Protein backbone atom coordinates (compact mmCIF):
# COMPACT_ATOMS: atom_id res chain seq x y z
CA UNK A 1 144.64 121.92 130.76
CA UNK A 2 146.55 122.76 133.95
CA UNK A 3 144.91 125.18 136.38
CA UNK A 4 147.73 127.36 137.62
CA UNK A 5 145.84 128.91 140.51
CA UNK A 6 144.98 125.54 142.01
CA UNK A 7 148.55 124.41 141.57
CA UNK A 8 149.85 127.52 143.41
CA UNK A 9 147.41 126.90 146.29
CA UNK A 10 148.44 123.25 146.42
CA UNK A 11 152.14 124.22 146.51
CA UNK A 12 151.56 126.65 149.37
CA UNK A 13 149.58 123.93 151.16
CA UNK A 14 152.33 121.35 150.70
CA UNK A 15 155.02 123.79 151.87
CA UNK A 16 153.20 124.38 155.16
CA UNK A 17 155.40 122.97 158.02
CA UNK A 18 152.47 121.18 159.62
CA UNK A 19 151.58 119.50 156.32
CA UNK A 20 155.10 118.78 155.16
CA UNK A 21 155.55 116.24 157.97
CA UNK A 22 152.41 114.34 156.83
CA UNK A 23 152.75 111.29 154.58
CA UNK A 24 152.71 111.84 150.84
CA UNK A 25 149.68 109.61 150.36
CA UNK A 26 147.62 111.70 152.74
CA UNK A 27 148.67 114.90 150.99
CA UNK A 28 147.79 113.34 147.58
CA UNK A 29 144.42 112.19 148.91
CA UNK A 30 143.72 115.66 150.26
CA UNK A 31 144.61 117.25 146.94
CA UNK A 32 142.39 114.78 145.12
CA UNK A 33 139.53 115.69 147.43
CA UNK A 34 140.02 119.27 146.25
CA UNK A 35 139.30 118.14 142.61
CA UNK A 36 142.89 118.28 141.40
CA UNK A 37 143.93 115.99 138.60
CA UNK A 38 146.85 113.64 138.77
CA UNK A 39 148.90 115.86 136.51
CA UNK A 40 148.24 118.91 138.70
CA UNK A 41 149.08 116.91 141.83
CA UNK A 42 152.39 115.75 140.35
CA UNK A 43 153.23 119.26 139.25
CA UNK A 44 152.42 120.66 142.73
CA UNK A 45 154.56 117.99 144.41
CA UNK A 46 157.47 118.77 142.10
CA UNK A 47 157.22 122.48 142.88
CA UNK A 48 156.95 121.81 146.61
CA UNK A 49 160.05 119.60 146.49
CA UNK A 50 158.27 116.29 147.29
CA UNK A 51 158.35 113.19 145.12
CA UNK A 52 155.25 111.13 144.48
CA UNK A 53 155.28 107.73 146.17
CA UNK A 54 156.39 104.72 144.18
CA UNK A 55 154.59 102.19 146.35
CA UNK A 56 150.90 101.47 146.31
CA UNK A 57 148.55 103.57 148.45
CA UNK A 58 147.75 100.63 150.75
CA UNK A 59 151.43 100.11 151.64
CA UNK A 60 151.91 103.84 152.23
CA UNK A 61 148.90 103.93 154.51
CA UNK A 62 150.19 100.95 156.49
CA UNK A 63 153.57 102.64 156.87
CA UNK A 64 151.87 105.84 157.98
CA UNK A 65 149.95 104.10 160.73
CA UNK A 66 153.06 102.21 161.89
CA UNK A 67 155.60 105.02 161.88
CA UNK A 68 153.86 108.34 162.46
CA UNK A 69 150.56 108.10 164.27
CA UNK A 70 150.98 111.50 166.07
CA UNK A 71 151.53 113.37 162.81
CA UNK A 72 148.35 111.83 161.35
CA UNK A 73 146.44 113.08 164.36
CA UNK A 74 147.90 116.53 163.92
CA UNK A 75 147.02 116.55 160.19
CA UNK A 76 143.46 115.46 160.88
CA UNK A 77 143.19 118.16 163.49
CA UNK A 78 144.37 120.72 160.95
CA UNK A 79 141.84 119.55 158.38
CA UNK A 80 138.92 119.49 160.86
CA UNK A 81 139.40 122.92 162.46
CA UNK A 82 136.08 124.86 162.89
CA UNK A 83 135.02 127.56 160.41
CA UNK A 84 135.48 131.21 161.40
CA UNK A 85 132.54 132.89 163.19
CA UNK A 86 130.08 134.90 161.06
CA UNK A 87 130.55 138.68 160.98
CA UNK A 88 128.55 140.82 163.36
CA UNK A 89 125.33 142.30 161.96
CA UNK A 90 125.29 146.09 161.58
CA UNK A 91 123.11 148.08 163.93
CA UNK A 92 119.97 149.87 162.63
CA UNK A 93 118.94 153.41 163.70
CA UNK A 94 115.68 155.38 163.25
CA UNK A 95 116.53 156.39 159.70
CA UNK A 96 116.61 152.80 158.59
CA UNK A 97 113.25 152.20 160.22
CA UNK A 98 111.81 155.30 158.59
CA UNK A 99 113.00 154.27 155.15
CA UNK A 100 111.65 150.80 155.68
CA UNK A 101 108.26 152.17 156.82
CA UNK A 102 108.09 154.52 153.83
CA UNK A 103 108.88 151.75 151.40
CA UNK A 104 106.41 149.37 153.00
CA UNK A 105 103.70 152.07 153.04
CA UNK A 106 104.28 152.92 149.37
CA UNK A 107 104.15 149.28 148.39
CA UNK A 108 100.97 148.78 150.40
CA UNK A 109 99.30 151.83 148.89
CA UNK A 110 100.25 150.71 145.40
CA UNK A 111 98.92 147.22 146.06
CA UNK A 112 95.67 148.71 147.43
CA UNK A 113 95.25 150.96 144.39
CA UNK A 114 95.89 148.09 141.96
CA UNK A 115 93.51 145.78 143.82
CA UNK A 116 90.79 148.43 143.95
CA UNK A 117 91.10 149.39 140.32
CA UNK A 118 91.66 146.02 138.65
CA UNK A 119 90.95 143.15 141.02
CA UNK A 120 87.92 144.45 142.96
CA UNK A 121 85.78 145.04 139.81
CA UNK A 122 86.41 141.45 138.83
CA UNK A 123 85.31 139.93 142.13
CA UNK A 124 82.76 142.54 143.29
CA UNK A 125 79.02 141.82 142.71
CA UNK A 126 77.42 143.90 139.93
CA UNK A 127 75.39 146.98 140.78
CA UNK A 128 71.78 147.59 139.56
CA UNK A 129 72.87 150.07 136.85
CA UNK A 130 75.39 147.56 135.64
CA UNK A 131 72.72 144.87 135.69
CA UNK A 132 70.38 147.08 133.65
CA UNK A 133 73.15 147.90 131.24
CA UNK A 134 74.10 144.25 130.88
CA UNK A 135 70.43 143.35 130.41
CA UNK A 136 70.06 145.99 127.70
CA UNK A 137 73.21 144.73 126.01
CA UNK A 138 71.94 141.15 126.18
CA UNK A 139 68.53 142.19 124.78
CA UNK A 140 70.22 144.07 121.95
CA UNK A 141 72.36 141.05 121.24
CA UNK A 142 69.29 138.80 121.21
CA UNK A 143 67.41 141.19 118.92
CA UNK A 144 70.37 141.31 116.60
CA UNK A 145 70.61 137.53 116.65
CA UNK A 146 66.86 137.18 115.97
CA UNK A 147 67.10 139.68 113.11
CA UNK A 148 69.99 137.72 111.68
CA UNK A 149 67.98 134.50 112.04
CA UNK A 150 64.99 136.07 110.27
CA UNK A 151 67.23 137.36 107.50
CA UNK A 152 68.83 133.95 107.24
CA UNK A 153 65.41 132.29 107.04
CA UNK A 154 64.33 134.74 104.32
CA UNK A 155 67.52 134.21 102.36
CA UNK A 156 67.14 130.46 102.75
CA UNK A 157 63.56 130.61 101.46
CA UNK A 158 64.60 132.74 98.49
CA UNK A 159 67.46 130.40 97.76
CA UNK A 160 65.12 127.44 98.02
CA UNK A 161 62.65 129.08 95.62
CA UNK A 162 65.39 129.92 93.14
CA UNK A 163 66.79 126.43 93.38
CA UNK A 164 63.33 124.96 92.85
CA UNK A 165 62.75 127.18 89.79
CA UNK A 166 66.13 126.27 88.42
CA UNK A 167 65.39 122.60 89.04
CA UNK A 168 62.12 122.92 87.14
CA UNK A 169 63.92 124.66 84.28
CA UNK A 170 66.53 121.94 84.25
CA UNK A 171 63.83 119.27 84.23
CA UNK A 172 62.06 121.02 81.35
CA UNK A 173 65.33 121.39 79.45
CA UNK A 174 66.17 117.76 80.08
CA UNK A 175 62.75 116.63 78.88
CA UNK A 176 63.15 118.77 75.75
CA UNK A 177 66.62 117.38 75.20
CA UNK A 178 65.28 113.86 75.63
CA UNK A 179 62.46 114.54 73.18
CA UNK A 180 64.90 116.06 70.68
CA UNK A 181 67.20 113.09 71.12
CA UNK A 182 64.23 110.76 70.58
CA UNK A 183 63.26 112.65 67.43
CA UNK A 184 66.84 112.54 66.23
CA UNK A 185 66.93 108.82 66.90
CA UNK A 186 63.66 108.33 65.01
CA UNK A 187 64.92 110.48 62.14
CA UNK A 188 68.19 108.57 62.12
CA UNK A 189 66.28 105.29 62.17
CA UNK A 190 64.05 106.43 59.32
CA UNK A 191 67.07 107.67 57.42
CA UNK A 192 68.77 104.33 57.94
CA UNK A 193 65.63 102.53 56.78
CA UNK A 194 65.39 104.84 53.77
CA UNK A 195 69.07 104.28 53.06
CA UNK A 196 68.61 100.52 53.28
CA UNK A 197 65.55 100.73 51.04
CA UNK A 198 67.43 102.87 48.54
CA UNK A 199 70.32 100.44 48.67
CA UNK A 200 67.93 97.57 48.05
CA UNK A 201 66.30 99.47 45.19
CA UNK A 202 69.69 100.37 43.75
CA UNK A 203 70.78 96.76 43.96
CA UNK A 204 67.48 95.74 42.38
CA UNK A 205 67.97 98.34 39.65
CA UNK A 206 71.52 97.15 39.13
CA UNK A 207 70.14 93.66 38.71
CA UNK A 208 67.22 94.81 36.54
CA UNK A 209 69.14 97.15 34.24
CA UNK A 210 71.07 94.39 32.46
CA UNK A 211 67.87 92.34 32.12
CA UNK A 212 65.95 95.39 30.84
CA UNK A 213 68.76 96.22 28.43
CA UNK A 214 68.78 92.65 27.24
CA UNK A 215 65.00 92.66 26.83
CA UNK A 216 65.15 96.03 25.05
CA UNK A 217 67.88 94.69 22.82
CA UNK A 218 65.80 91.65 22.00
CA UNK A 219 62.74 93.84 21.35
CA UNK A 220 64.80 96.15 19.13
CA UNK A 221 66.20 93.17 17.28
CA UNK A 222 62.70 91.78 16.85
CA UNK A 223 61.40 95.12 15.59
CA UNK A 224 64.36 95.42 13.26
CA UNK A 225 63.65 91.93 11.97
CA UNK A 226 59.96 92.80 11.51
CA UNK A 227 60.93 96.05 9.84
CA UNK A 228 63.31 94.23 7.55
CA UNK A 229 60.52 91.77 6.67
CA UNK A 230 58.13 94.65 6.04
CA UNK A 231 60.75 96.38 3.93
CA UNK A 232 61.20 93.26 1.89
CA UNK A 233 57.47 92.89 1.44
CA UNK A 234 57.18 96.60 0.61
CA UNK A 235 60.01 96.32 -1.86
CA UNK A 236 58.35 93.32 -3.45
CA UNK A 237 55.05 95.19 -3.59
CA UNK A 238 56.68 98.24 -5.11
CA UNK A 239 58.43 96.09 -7.66
CA UNK A 240 55.13 94.44 -8.50
CA UNK A 241 53.37 97.79 -8.82
CA UNK A 242 56.18 99.26 -10.86
CA UNK A 243 56.31 96.30 -13.18
CA UNK A 244 52.51 96.05 -13.60
CA UNK A 245 50.75 98.36 -16.17
CA UNK A 246 48.55 101.08 -14.78
CA UNK A 247 44.96 99.79 -15.17
CA UNK A 248 42.12 102.13 -15.92
CA UNK A 249 39.61 102.10 -13.18
CA UNK A 250 36.26 103.64 -12.63
CA UNK A 251 34.70 104.51 -9.32
CA UNK A 252 32.44 101.99 -7.69
CA UNK A 253 29.29 103.66 -6.47
CA UNK A 254 28.78 101.05 -3.78
CA UNK A 255 32.31 101.42 -2.28
CA UNK A 256 32.93 103.94 0.56
CA UNK A 257 34.84 107.10 -0.28
CA UNK A 258 37.26 109.15 1.87
CA UNK A 259 35.76 112.38 3.17
CA UNK A 260 38.44 114.88 4.19
CA UNK A 261 35.95 117.16 5.94
CA UNK A 262 34.78 114.50 8.39
CA UNK A 263 38.29 113.16 8.99
CA UNK A 264 37.21 109.54 8.63
CA UNK A 265 39.90 107.12 7.81
CA UNK A 266 37.76 104.85 5.54
CA UNK A 267 39.54 103.70 2.48
CA UNK A 268 38.02 104.39 -0.93
CA UNK A 269 37.40 101.19 -2.83
CA UNK A 270 38.15 101.26 -6.49
CA UNK A 271 36.94 98.69 -8.88
CA UNK A 272 39.84 97.41 -10.83
CA UNK A 273 38.97 95.08 -13.73
CA UNK A 274 40.81 91.87 -13.93
CA UNK A 275 43.62 91.99 -16.38
CA UNK A 276 43.66 89.84 -19.45
CA UNK A 277 45.05 86.38 -19.05
CA UNK A 278 47.72 86.99 -21.56
CA UNK A 279 49.07 89.99 -19.79
CA UNK A 280 48.64 88.49 -16.32
CA UNK A 281 50.52 85.40 -17.20
CA UNK A 282 53.32 87.34 -18.75
CA UNK A 283 53.70 89.64 -15.70
CA UNK A 284 52.86 87.36 -12.79
CA UNK A 285 55.32 84.71 -13.69
CA UNK A 286 58.23 86.11 -11.64
CA UNK A 287 56.11 87.11 -8.63
CA UNK A 288 53.85 84.15 -8.18
CA UNK A 289 55.78 82.96 -5.16
CA UNK A 290 55.73 86.26 -3.19
CA UNK A 291 52.00 86.65 -3.81
CA UNK A 292 51.35 83.40 -2.03
CA UNK A 293 52.81 84.79 1.26
CA UNK A 294 51.74 88.44 0.95
CA UNK A 295 48.02 89.21 0.58
CA UNK A 296 46.98 90.85 -2.64
CA UNK A 297 46.30 94.48 -1.97
CA UNK A 298 45.40 95.32 -5.55
CA UNK A 299 41.70 94.89 -4.79
CA UNK A 300 41.79 97.54 -1.98
CA UNK A 301 42.87 100.99 -2.91
CA UNK A 302 43.77 103.75 -0.44
CA UNK A 303 43.31 107.46 -0.79
CA UNK A 304 47.09 107.74 -1.02
CA UNK A 305 47.10 105.50 -4.06
CA UNK A 306 44.18 107.46 -5.49
CA UNK A 307 45.82 110.77 -4.94
CA UNK A 308 49.02 109.51 -6.49
CA UNK A 309 47.14 108.60 -9.70
CA UNK A 310 47.58 104.90 -9.24
CA UNK A 311 51.22 104.94 -8.12
CA UNK A 312 52.56 102.85 -5.20
CA UNK A 313 52.07 104.24 -1.61
CA UNK A 314 52.58 103.06 2.02
CA UNK A 315 49.55 101.19 3.28
CA UNK A 316 47.51 102.49 6.21
CA UNK A 317 48.13 99.41 8.33
CA UNK A 318 51.90 99.90 8.01
CA UNK A 319 51.58 103.56 8.98
CA UNK A 320 49.54 102.56 12.05
CA UNK A 321 52.18 99.97 12.98
CA UNK A 322 54.95 102.55 12.62
CA UNK A 323 52.97 105.00 14.75
CA UNK A 324 52.53 102.40 17.49
CA UNK A 325 56.27 101.64 17.38
CA UNK A 326 57.08 105.34 17.73
CA UNK A 327 54.72 105.69 20.71
CA UNK A 328 56.29 102.64 22.36
CA UNK A 329 59.76 104.09 21.80
CA UNK A 330 58.73 107.43 23.29
CA UNK A 331 57.36 105.68 26.37
CA UNK A 332 60.45 103.49 26.80
CA UNK A 333 62.83 106.39 26.08
CA UNK A 334 64.78 104.56 23.42
CA UNK A 335 66.48 106.28 20.51
CA UNK A 336 65.30 105.51 17.02
CA UNK A 337 67.65 103.54 14.85
CA UNK A 338 68.69 104.81 11.43
CA UNK A 339 66.75 102.00 9.79
CA UNK A 340 63.57 103.01 11.60
CA UNK A 341 64.11 106.67 10.71
CA UNK A 342 64.54 105.72 7.11
CA UNK A 343 61.36 103.66 7.25
CA UNK A 344 59.43 106.49 8.83
């Protein structure tokens, strides 16, 4: 950016008659010393009607010293002329001195007032009333601090007591929890033991049930076989009694009789005379073989046979056996078979 004001000043300087006779290099150097750029220097030279030198500055300086030494002296003299004298100071009268004294007095009074009001209290030693007041303030502060310390100690003691009580409660609760946990563990252990025992018993029962069922089946089969044998023997006996004639019998005074009032189960013996050989041979021919295995019960008569007028009846020993079988079935919890019910 070209500074027009500097260019105008440079043009007026270059057009000065005393400067126009100076070499171009000196004028360019002078303009450069005035902080003009090369563009501004060229523009000022063009406006002043001077052309910039085409030779180097060293050659121009040599030519200047060889051709025009007086002009160089004149130019240097123009550049080094002394500055103008300073202007004369104005004269002061009494009014100026009065104003100055008033201002200085006001400033001094203000400074004195400020120092007395603000600075002197800071640097002045304290007075006895101030000392007493400060002492009272310090004592009040200490009393307040001691009261706060006492309150703090009391609060700390209360807090310590509450914390201790809470700690005791927590310890008690923890001990109770531990005891409850121990009881729960013992109960769980006992329950596990009971469960294992029940499992063992159940497994034992599972193993014993088939064996018990098998044994019960064998016992039932054995009883059925015995019952079938008894039925066969009873059938044979009934057939024998039905086929034999009813003999006339008379009571034997020496034989025991059945007494219903006393409830004795003694059988009444009846004397039965031996049948005639002719009739015995004719009847006993088909039943000779069964009589060899079954004892002859014709010699012992029961009250049932007596009450039935000599007809066939179930013997007492068979009734006792059936009763025992029923009691055994009731104890074992088995169900009677149809054959047993029919026999009963």
